[in-house]
C-alpha cells in the first residue's frame, strides 16, 4: 500500500509539473484562467457590474459567495431563486438586504425547509394520525377514486381532539411533552432565506393550472412561520419552468 501511494504521489507530481510547463509556454490556457481574464477585463475596463444567480441549492451557494465577493465588488447584486429556507439567521438575512434578493414561488417546499418547519410538520402529522378515525387504506382509496375532491361530500376523516381515544391521547401527550423539551433549541436555530424576499403567488387557477401570478415583498420570517405546505404544488413550484412562467406573468 505504501509503495502504491508513493507511486501515485510521484505520478501526480509529474502531471502537475507538465501542466505548469505547458502553461508557461502558453500552449494551454485553462478555462478558469480564461474566465478570470474575461471577468477582470469586463470589471476594470468596461465598468461592468457583477450579478450572481442560482437556483435551489445553487441559490444558497450564490448567496454565500456574494457575501464574500461584495468585499471586493461593492456594486455586486445576488438573485437567489427558490433558495433553501434554512440558510441564514434573521440577523444575517437582514444584513444582506442591500445586495441580495430571494425569489420564492408559491408553496415551494425547499424555500420553507428548515429545522423549525420540519418539526412543525412532524407535530402536525402526529396530531393528524391521532385524530384520524378511518383506516388509512380507505383514505388512500378515496384519493384514488377522487372521492375527496369536494370537501363537503368527502367522508369524515378526523374526530375532535376531546374525542380521541384515551390510550391514544396518552401517547400523544407523551410525544408533545418530549417535543416541548426541544422546542427552545429549535427556536434558537431559527433560519430563513437571505436578503429581500420577493414572493410570487398564484391568484387565478383555471383547469388545475396556474394562469396568473403577482409579486409582493415578504418578510423572511413570514415564509418560515407559514411552514411547509403539503400540496401537490409543493415540488411543482420549485421547478425552473414554473419559476420562468411566474416571473414572466407576475404583475
Protein backbone atom coordinates (compact mmCIF):
# COMPACT_ATOMS: atom_id res chain seq x y z
CA UNK A 1 0.00 0.00 0.00
CA UNK A 2 2.86 2.36 0.86
CA UNK A 3 4.58 1.68 -2.49
CA UNK A 4 1.34 2.26 -4.37
CA UNK A 5 0.75 5.51 -2.50
CA UNK A 6 4.29 6.73 -3.29
CA UNK A 7 3.85 5.83 -6.97
CA UNK A 8 0.54 7.69 -7.22
CA UNK A 9 2.07 10.72 -5.48
CA UNK A 10 5.04 10.69 -7.90
CA UNK A 11 2.77 10.44 -10.95
CA UNK A 12 0.61 13.28 -9.63
CA UNK A 13 3.66 15.45 -9.10
CA UNK A 14 4.92 14.78 -12.65
CA UNK A 15 1.47 15.56 -14.09
CA UNK A 16 1.36 18.89 -12.21
CA UNK A 17 4.85 19.81 -13.41
CA UNK A 18 3.88 19.04 -17.02
CA UNK A 19 0.79 21.25 -16.73
CA UNK A 20 2.85 24.11 -15.31
CA UNK A 21 5.37 23.74 -18.13
CA UNK A 22 2.61 23.84 -20.76
CA UNK A 23 1.02 26.85 -19.13
CA UNK A 24 4.32 28.74 -19.01
CA UNK A 25 4.84 28.12 -22.73
CA UNK A 26 1.28 29.43 -23.38
CA UNK A 27 0.45 26.21 -25.16
CA UNK A 28 -2.54 25.60 -22.87
CA UNK A 29 -4.92 28.21 -21.49
CA UNK A 30 -7.13 26.75 -18.80
CA UNK A 31 -10.90 27.53 -18.73
CA UNK A 32 -10.61 29.08 -15.25
CA UNK A 33 -7.83 31.39 -16.40
CA UNK A 34 -9.85 32.45 -19.44
CA UNK A 35 -12.88 33.12 -17.24
CA UNK A 36 -10.81 35.18 -14.78
CA UNK A 37 -9.22 37.15 -17.59
CA UNK A 38 -12.60 37.97 -19.16
CA UNK A 39 -14.09 38.86 -15.78
CA UNK A 40 -11.28 41.21 -14.76
CA UNK A 41 -11.34 42.89 -18.17
CA UNK A 42 -15.09 43.47 -18.01
CA UNK A 43 -14.95 44.82 -14.46
CA UNK A 44 -11.90 47.04 -14.75
CA UNK A 45 -12.07 48.23 -18.37
CA UNK A 46 -15.75 48.06 -19.33
CA UNK A 47 -17.10 49.01 -15.88
CA UNK A 48 -19.47 46.05 -15.74
CA UNK A 49 -21.24 45.07 -12.51
CA UNK A 50 -21.37 41.54 -11.12
CA UNK A 51 -24.71 39.73 -10.91
CA UNK A 52 -24.64 36.39 -9.07
CA UNK A 53 -27.55 34.00 -9.56
CA UNK A 54 -28.50 30.47 -8.61
CA UNK A 55 -31.49 28.17 -8.19
CA UNK A 56 -32.31 25.88 -5.24
CA UNK A 57 -29.02 24.73 -3.67
CA UNK A 58 -27.23 26.90 -6.24
CA UNK A 59 -29.15 29.86 -4.80
CA UNK A 60 -27.69 29.08 -1.37
CA UNK A 61 -24.19 28.95 -2.86
CA UNK A 62 -24.77 32.21 -4.74
CA UNK A 63 -25.92 33.95 -1.55
CA UNK A 64 -22.88 32.80 0.40
CA UNK A 65 -20.42 33.65 -2.35
CA UNK A 66 -21.96 37.10 -2.72
CA UNK A 67 -21.19 37.94 0.89
CA UNK A 68 -17.51 37.27 0.21
CA UNK A 69 -17.31 38.86 -3.24
CA UNK A 70 -19.01 42.07 -2.11
CA UNK A 71 -15.91 42.95 -0.10
CA UNK A 72 -14.10 43.37 -3.42
CA UNK A 73 -17.03 44.39 -5.64
CA UNK A 74 -19.41 46.69 -3.69
CA UNK A 75 -21.83 47.03 -6.63
CA UNK A 76 -22.48 43.26 -6.73
CA UNK A 77 -26.06 42.01 -6.51
CA UNK A 78 -27.33 38.48 -5.96
CA UNK A 79 -30.61 36.98 -7.20
CA UNK A 80 -31.38 33.71 -5.41
CA UNK A 81 -34.24 31.72 -6.98
CA UNK A 82 -36.12 29.36 -4.63
CA UNK A 83 -33.30 29.20 -2.05
CA UNK A 84 -33.43 26.77 0.89
CA UNK A 85 -35.35 28.11 3.86
CA UNK A 86 -32.78 27.08 6.48
CA UNK A 87 -30.00 29.23 5.09
CA UNK A 88 -29.08 32.05 7.46
CA UNK A 89 -30.02 33.61 10.77
CA UNK A 90 -32.53 36.51 10.71
CA UNK A 91 -29.73 38.92 11.61
CA UNK A 92 -27.57 37.87 8.63
CA UNK A 93 -30.61 37.83 6.36
CA UNK A 94 -31.29 41.46 7.29
CA UNK A 95 -27.67 42.48 6.69
CA UNK A 96 -27.80 41.11 3.14
CA UNK A 97 -30.90 43.08 2.09
CA UNK A 98 -28.77 45.71 0.36
CA UNK A 99 -27.34 43.31 -2.18
CA UNK A 100 -29.38 40.10 -2.15
CA UNK A 101 -32.88 39.34 -3.45
CA UNK A 102 -34.51 35.95 -2.92
CA UNK A 103 -37.39 34.97 -5.21
CA UNK A 104 -39.78 32.37 -3.78
CA UNK A 105 -42.51 30.79 -5.89
CA UNK A 106 -45.89 29.85 -4.43
CA UNK A 107 -45.81 26.96 -1.97
CA UNK A 108 -42.31 25.78 -2.92
CA UNK A 109 -41.26 23.29 -0.24
CA UNK A 110 -37.50 23.92 -0.48
CA UNK A 111 -37.83 27.61 0.40
CA UNK A 112 -39.78 26.62 3.52
CA UNK A 113 -37.46 23.82 4.55
CA UNK A 114 -35.77 24.35 7.93
CA UNK A 115 -35.39 22.62 11.28
CA UNK A 116 -38.36 24.51 12.71
CA UNK A 117 -40.71 23.83 9.79
CA UNK A 118 -39.83 20.13 9.63
CA UNK A 119 -40.51 19.79 13.37
CA UNK A 120 -43.82 21.61 12.96
CA UNK A 121 -44.78 19.29 10.09
CA UNK A 122 -43.94 16.21 12.18
CA UNK A 123 -46.07 17.56 15.04
CA UNK A 124 -48.99 18.13 12.66
CA UNK A 125 -48.65 14.61 11.24
CA UNK A 126 -48.60 13.09 14.74
CA UNK A 127 -51.73 15.01 15.74
CA UNK A 128 -53.49 14.07 12.48
CA UNK A 129 -52.74 10.38 12.99
CA UNK A 130 -54.18 10.53 16.50
CA UNK A 131 -57.34 12.28 15.29
CA UNK A 132 -57.85 10.02 12.27
CA UNK A 133 -60.87 7.76 12.75
CA UNK A 134 -60.80 5.95 9.41
CA UNK A 135 -58.49 3.16 8.14
CA UNK A 136 -55.59 4.61 6.14
CA UNK A 137 -56.26 2.20 3.26
CA UNK A 138 -59.78 3.60 2.88
CA UNK A 139 -58.39 7.13 2.79
CA UNK A 140 -55.94 6.08 0.06
CA UNK A 141 -58.80 4.52 -1.92
CA UNK A 142 -60.85 7.72 -1.53
CA UNK A 143 -57.98 9.68 -3.07
CA UNK A 144 -57.53 7.21 -5.93
CA UNK A 145 -61.28 7.22 -6.67
CA UNK A 146 -61.49 11.01 -6.49
CA UNK A 147 -63.90 10.98 -3.54
CA UNK A 148 -62.11 13.77 -1.69
CA UNK A 149 -62.12 16.48 -4.34
CA UNK A 150 -65.20 18.09 -2.83
CA UNK A 151 -64.63 18.81 0.90
CA UNK A 152 -68.38 18.95 1.54
CA UNK A 153 -69.03 15.44 0.24
CA UNK A 154 -65.75 13.86 1.36
CA UNK A 155 -66.03 11.17 4.07
CA UNK A 156 -65.36 12.44 7.59
CA UNK A 157 -61.77 11.65 8.50
CA UNK A 158 -60.90 13.44 11.75
CA UNK A 159 -62.55 13.45 15.14
CA UNK A 160 -62.49 16.30 17.65
CA UNK A 161 -59.50 16.42 20.00
CA UNK A 162 -61.67 15.67 23.04
CA UNK A 163 -62.98 12.56 21.23
CA UNK A 164 -59.55 10.96 20.85
CA UNK A 165 -59.30 7.52 22.44
CA UNK A 166 -57.85 7.62 25.96
CA UNK A 167 -54.92 5.32 25.15
CA UNK A 168 -54.06 7.31 22.03
CA UNK A 169 -54.35 10.55 23.98
CA UNK A 170 -51.74 9.34 26.49
CA UNK A 171 -49.34 8.54 23.66
CA UNK A 172 -49.96 11.99 22.14
CA UNK A 173 -49.36 13.73 25.46
CA UNK A 174 -46.06 11.88 25.93
CA UNK A 175 -44.96 12.88 22.43
CA UNK A 176 -45.92 16.54 22.94
CA UNK A 177 -44.12 16.63 26.28
CA UNK A 178 -40.96 15.27 24.67
CA UNK A 179 -41.28 17.69 21.74
CA UNK A 180 -41.70 20.62 24.13
CA UNK A 181 -38.35 19.85 25.76
CA UNK A 182 -36.55 20.54 22.47
CA UNK A 183 -38.72 23.45 21.34
CA UNK A 184 -36.32 26.09 22.70
CA UNK A 185 -33.37 24.50 20.85
CA UNK A 186 -35.34 24.63 17.61
CA UNK A 187 -36.29 28.29 18.17
CA UNK A 188 -32.63 29.13 18.83
CA UNK A 189 -31.73 27.69 15.41
CA UNK A 190 -34.34 29.69 13.52
CA UNK A 191 -33.05 30.14 9.95
CA UNK A 192 -34.53 31.82 6.88
CA UNK A 193 -33.67 32.86 3.28
CA UNK A 194 -31.31 35.77 2.81
CA UNK A 195 -31.93 39.32 1.62
CA UNK A 196 -35.16 40.89 0.43
CA UNK A 197 -37.89 38.35 -0.29
CA UNK A 198 -39.95 38.65 -3.46
CA UNK A 199 -42.88 36.26 -3.14
CA UNK A 200 -44.55 35.12 -6.38
CA UNK A 201 -48.06 33.91 -5.61
CA UNK A 202 -50.77 32.49 -7.89
CA UNK A 203 -54.07 34.32 -7.77
CA UNK A 204 -56.09 32.65 -10.51
CA UNK A 205 -56.43 28.95 -11.22
CA UNK A 206 -58.01 27.52 -14.36
CA UNK A 207 -58.33 23.79 -15.14
CA UNK A 208 -55.97 22.98 -12.27
CA UNK A 209 -53.23 25.08 -13.85
CA UNK A 210 -51.76 28.29 -12.52
CA UNK A 211 -52.54 31.06 -15.01
CA UNK A 212 -51.61 34.33 -13.31
CA UNK A 213 -49.11 35.40 -10.69
CA UNK A 214 -48.39 38.57 -8.77
CA UNK A 215 -45.25 39.64 -6.91
CA UNK A 216 -45.14 41.08 -3.41
CA UNK A 217 -42.42 41.74 -0.86
CA UNK A 218 -42.49 39.42 2.15
CA UNK A 219 -40.64 39.18 5.42
CA UNK A 220 -38.34 36.12 5.67
CA UNK A 221 -39.94 35.11 8.96
CA UNK A 222 -43.37 35.12 7.32
CA UNK A 223 -42.27 32.44 4.86
CA UNK A 224 -40.80 30.25 7.59
CA UNK A 225 -43.68 30.78 10.01
CA UNK A 226 -46.11 29.72 7.31
CA UNK A 227 -44.42 26.33 7.40
CA UNK A 228 -44.26 23.54 4.86
CA UNK A 229 -47.42 23.44 2.78
CA UNK A 230 -48.49 19.88 1.99
CA UNK A 231 -49.76 20.20 -1.56
CA UNK A 232 -49.28 18.65 -4.97
CA UNK A 233 -47.81 22.02 -5.98
CA UNK A 234 -45.09 21.96 -3.29
CA UNK A 235 -42.49 20.40 -5.61
CA UNK A 236 -44.01 21.68 -8.84
CA UNK A 237 -43.47 25.29 -7.76
CA UNK A 238 -39.78 24.51 -7.30
CA UNK A 239 -39.28 23.75 -11.00
CA UNK A 240 -37.42 26.26 -13.14
CA UNK A 241 -40.15 26.11 -15.80
CA UNK A 242 -42.76 27.23 -13.25
CA UNK A 243 -40.36 29.91 -11.99
CA UNK A 244 -39.91 31.27 -15.52
CA UNK A 245 -43.67 31.31 -16.12
CA UNK A 246 -44.30 33.04 -12.79
CA UNK A 247 -41.66 35.71 -13.47
CA UNK A 248 -42.99 36.31 -16.97
CA UNK A 249 -46.60 36.75 -15.87
CA UNK A 250 -46.05 38.44 -12.48
CA UNK A 251 -47.73 41.81 -12.07
